[in-house]
Amino acid sequence: MYMICRENIILYDRYGTFMSIRERMINSKIKSEEVFLRQCIEFSKKIGSEKWVRKFDKTLMHYMYRNNRRRF
C-alpha cells in the first residue's frame, strides 16, 4: 500500500488510501484535527523526515490561526 504525491496532489493511490483517511477524519467525532496533526508531527519525527515535520507543523499553525480568528 503506497501513494505517490507531488506538492500535495495525489498522482497514484491504487487503493484509495488517502480518500479513506480523509473521510474518516471528516466523520471522526473522537479526534480533532489539531490532535491528528500533532500525531503526524510526532510520527514524522520518529521516521526522521524533517520535510514532513515542517509541512505538518506549518499546517498545524494555519489550523490554530484559523480557529483563533473564528473565536473573535
N, C-alpha and C. Protein backbone atom coordinates (compact mmCIF):
# COMPACT_ATOMS: atom_id res chain seq x y z
N MET A 1 0.85 -1.17 0.00
CA MET A 1 0.00 0.00 0.00
C MET A 1 0.90 1.24 0.00
N TYR A 2 0.76 2.05 -0.99
CA TYR A 2 1.52 3.30 -1.05
C TYR A 2 0.81 4.30 -1.94
N MET A 3 1.22 5.54 -1.79
CA MET A 3 0.69 6.62 -2.61
C MET A 3 1.87 7.37 -3.19
N ILE A 4 1.65 7.97 -4.34
CA ILE A 4 2.65 8.85 -4.93
C ILE A 4 2.01 10.23 -4.99
N CYS A 5 2.68 11.21 -4.36
CA CYS A 5 2.17 12.58 -4.32
C CYS A 5 3.25 13.53 -4.81
N ARG A 6 2.81 14.62 -5.33
CA ARG A 6 3.73 15.69 -5.71
C ARG A 6 3.06 17.00 -5.35
N GLU A 7 3.69 17.74 -4.46
CA GLU A 7 3.19 19.03 -3.99
C GLU A 7 1.73 18.93 -3.55
N ASN A 8 1.47 17.93 -2.69
CA ASN A 8 0.16 17.70 -2.08
C ASN A 8 -0.94 17.33 -3.07
N ILE A 9 -0.57 16.88 -4.26
CA ILE A 9 -1.53 16.40 -5.24
C ILE A 9 -1.28 14.91 -5.44
N ILE A 10 -2.31 14.11 -5.28
CA ILE A 10 -2.17 12.66 -5.40
C ILE A 10 -2.04 12.29 -6.87
N LEU A 11 -0.95 11.61 -7.20
CA LEU A 11 -0.74 11.14 -8.56
C LEU A 11 -1.14 9.68 -8.70
N TYR A 12 -0.93 8.91 -7.63
CA TYR A 12 -1.26 7.48 -7.66
C TYR A 12 -1.71 7.05 -6.28
N ASP A 13 -2.89 6.49 -6.19
CA ASP A 13 -3.43 5.98 -4.93
C ASP A 13 -4.31 4.78 -5.27
N ARG A 14 -3.66 3.65 -5.51
CA ARG A 14 -4.33 2.47 -6.05
C ARG A 14 -5.53 2.02 -5.22
N TYR A 15 -5.40 2.04 -3.92
CA TYR A 15 -6.47 1.52 -3.07
C TYR A 15 -7.33 2.60 -2.44
N GLY A 16 -7.17 3.84 -2.85
CA GLY A 16 -7.98 4.92 -2.29
C GLY A 16 -7.65 5.23 -0.84
N THR A 17 -6.41 5.00 -0.45
CA THR A 17 -6.00 5.17 0.95
C THR A 17 -6.21 6.59 1.42
N PHE A 18 -5.76 7.55 0.63
CA PHE A 18 -5.86 8.95 1.04
C PHE A 18 -7.31 9.35 1.24
N MET A 19 -8.16 8.99 0.32
CA MET A 19 -9.57 9.38 0.42
C MET A 19 -10.24 8.71 1.62
N SER A 20 -9.87 7.47 1.92
CA SER A 20 -10.48 6.81 3.07
C SER A 20 -10.03 7.46 4.37
N ILE A 21 -8.75 7.84 4.45
CA ILE A 21 -8.26 8.54 5.64
C ILE A 21 -8.96 9.88 5.76
N ARG A 22 -9.10 10.58 4.66
CA ARG A 22 -9.76 11.88 4.67
C ARG A 22 -11.22 11.76 5.14
N GLU A 23 -11.93 10.76 4.63
CA GLU A 23 -13.32 10.54 5.04
C GLU A 23 -13.42 10.23 6.53
N ARG A 24 -12.51 9.39 7.02
CA ARG A 24 -12.53 9.05 8.45
C ARG A 24 -12.28 10.28 9.31
N MET A 25 -11.39 11.17 8.85
CA MET A 25 -11.10 12.38 9.63
C MET A 25 -12.29 13.33 9.62
N ILE A 26 -12.97 13.44 8.50
CA ILE A 26 -14.13 14.33 8.41
C ILE A 26 -15.24 13.83 9.32
N ASN A 27 -15.45 12.52 9.35
CA ASN A 27 -16.54 11.94 10.12
C ASN A 27 -16.17 11.64 11.57
N SER A 28 -14.92 11.80 11.93
CA SER A 28 -14.47 11.46 13.28
C SER A 28 -14.92 12.50 14.30
N LYS A 29 -15.59 12.04 15.32
CA LYS A 29 -16.00 12.92 16.41
C LYS A 29 -15.03 12.82 17.57
N ILE A 30 -14.22 11.76 17.58
CA ILE A 30 -13.35 11.49 18.72
C ILE A 30 -12.10 12.35 18.70
N LYS A 31 -11.45 12.45 17.55
CA LYS A 31 -10.15 13.09 17.46
C LYS A 31 -10.25 14.38 16.64
N SER A 32 -9.78 15.45 17.19
CA SER A 32 -9.82 16.71 16.46
C SER A 32 -8.69 16.78 15.44
N GLU A 33 -8.80 17.70 14.54
CA GLU A 33 -7.78 17.89 13.51
C GLU A 33 -6.45 18.29 14.16
N GLU A 34 -6.53 19.07 15.21
CA GLU A 34 -5.31 19.50 15.90
C GLU A 34 -4.56 18.31 16.48
N VAL A 35 -5.27 17.41 17.13
CA VAL A 35 -4.64 16.21 17.70
C VAL A 35 -4.04 15.36 16.60
N PHE A 36 -4.77 15.21 15.50
CA PHE A 36 -4.28 14.43 14.37
C PHE A 36 -2.99 15.02 13.81
N LEU A 37 -2.94 16.34 13.64
CA LEU A 37 -1.74 16.98 13.10
C LEU A 37 -0.56 16.84 14.06
N ARG A 38 -0.81 16.93 15.35
CA ARG A 38 0.26 16.73 16.34
C ARG A 38 0.81 15.30 16.26
N GLN A 39 -0.06 14.33 16.06
CA GLN A 39 0.39 12.95 15.91
C GLN A 39 1.19 12.76 14.62
N CYS A 40 0.79 13.45 13.56
CA CYS A 40 1.54 13.39 12.30
C CYS A 40 2.95 13.95 12.49
N ILE A 41 3.05 15.03 13.25
CA ILE A 41 4.36 15.64 13.52
C ILE A 41 5.24 14.66 14.30
N GLU A 42 4.68 14.04 15.34
CA GLU A 42 5.45 13.09 16.14
C GLU A 42 5.90 11.88 15.31
N PHE A 43 5.02 11.37 14.47
CA PHE A 43 5.37 10.23 13.62
C PHE A 43 6.47 10.61 12.63
N SER A 44 6.36 11.80 12.06
CA SER A 44 7.38 12.27 11.10
C SER A 44 8.73 12.41 11.79
N LYS A 45 8.72 12.85 13.05
CA LYS A 45 9.98 12.94 13.80
C LYS A 45 10.57 11.55 14.02
N LYS A 46 9.71 10.58 14.33
CA LYS A 46 10.19 9.22 14.59
C LYS A 46 10.83 8.60 13.37
N ILE A 47 10.28 8.87 12.18
CA ILE A 47 10.86 8.28 10.97
C ILE A 47 11.97 9.16 10.39
N GLY A 48 12.21 10.31 11.02
CA GLY A 48 13.33 11.16 10.62
C GLY A 48 13.10 12.00 9.38
N SER A 49 11.86 12.37 9.12
CA SER A 49 11.55 13.16 7.93
C SER A 49 11.33 14.62 8.31
N GLU A 50 12.39 15.40 8.23
CA GLU A 50 12.30 16.82 8.58
C GLU A 50 11.35 17.58 7.65
N LYS A 51 11.31 17.17 6.39
CA LYS A 51 10.43 17.82 5.42
C LYS A 51 8.98 17.72 5.87
N TRP A 52 8.54 16.51 6.29
CA TRP A 52 7.16 16.33 6.71
C TRP A 52 6.89 16.96 8.07
N VAL A 53 7.90 16.99 8.93
CA VAL A 53 7.74 17.69 10.22
C VAL A 53 7.41 19.15 9.95
N ARG A 54 8.18 19.78 9.07
CA ARG A 54 7.93 21.19 8.74
C ARG A 54 6.57 21.39 8.09
N LYS A 55 6.18 20.47 7.18
CA LYS A 55 4.91 20.60 6.49
C LYS A 55 3.74 20.49 7.46
N PHE A 56 3.76 19.46 8.34
CA PHE A 56 2.67 19.29 9.29
C PHE A 56 2.66 20.40 10.34
N ASP A 57 3.84 20.88 10.73
CA ASP A 57 3.92 21.98 11.68
C ASP A 57 3.31 23.25 11.08
N LYS A 58 3.61 23.51 9.83
CA LYS A 58 3.04 24.66 9.14
C LYS A 58 1.51 24.53 9.03
N THR A 59 1.04 23.33 8.69
CA THR A 59 -0.40 23.07 8.60
C THR A 59 -1.07 23.27 9.94
N LEU A 60 -0.42 22.81 11.02
CA LEU A 60 -0.97 22.98 12.37
C LEU A 60 -1.04 24.45 12.74
N MET A 61 -0.03 25.22 12.41
CA MET A 61 -0.04 26.66 12.71
C MET A 61 -1.18 27.36 11.97
N HIS A 62 -1.40 27.00 10.70
CA HIS A 62 -2.52 27.58 9.94
C HIS A 62 -3.85 27.21 10.57
N TYR A 63 -3.98 25.95 10.99
CA TYR A 63 -5.21 25.49 11.62
C TYR A 63 -5.48 26.27 12.91
N MET A 64 -4.45 26.43 13.74
CA MET A 64 -4.62 27.15 15.01
C MET A 64 -4.94 28.62 14.76
N TYR A 65 -4.31 29.20 13.76
CA TYR A 65 -4.57 30.60 13.41
C TYR A 65 -6.02 30.79 12.98
N ARG A 66 -6.50 29.88 12.11
CA ARG A 66 -7.90 29.96 11.66
C ARG A 66 -8.87 29.84 12.83
N ASN A 67 -8.62 28.91 13.72
CA ASN A 67 -9.52 28.72 14.87
C ASN A 67 -9.49 29.92 15.80
N ASN A 68 -8.35 30.52 16.01
CA ASN A 68 -8.27 31.71 16.86
C ASN A 68 -8.99 32.89 16.22
N ARG A 69 -8.91 33.01 14.90
CA ARG A 69 -9.60 34.10 14.20
C ARG A 69 -11.12 33.93 14.28
N ARG A 70 -11.59 32.70 14.24
CA ARG A 70 -13.03 32.44 14.28
C ARG A 70 -13.62 32.78 15.65
N ARG A 71 -12.84 32.66 16.70
CA ARG A 71 -13.34 32.91 18.05
C ARG A 71 -13.65 34.39 18.30
N PHE A 72 -12.91 35.26 17.60
CA PHE A 72 -13.10 36.70 17.84
C PHE A 72 -14.10 37.31 16.95
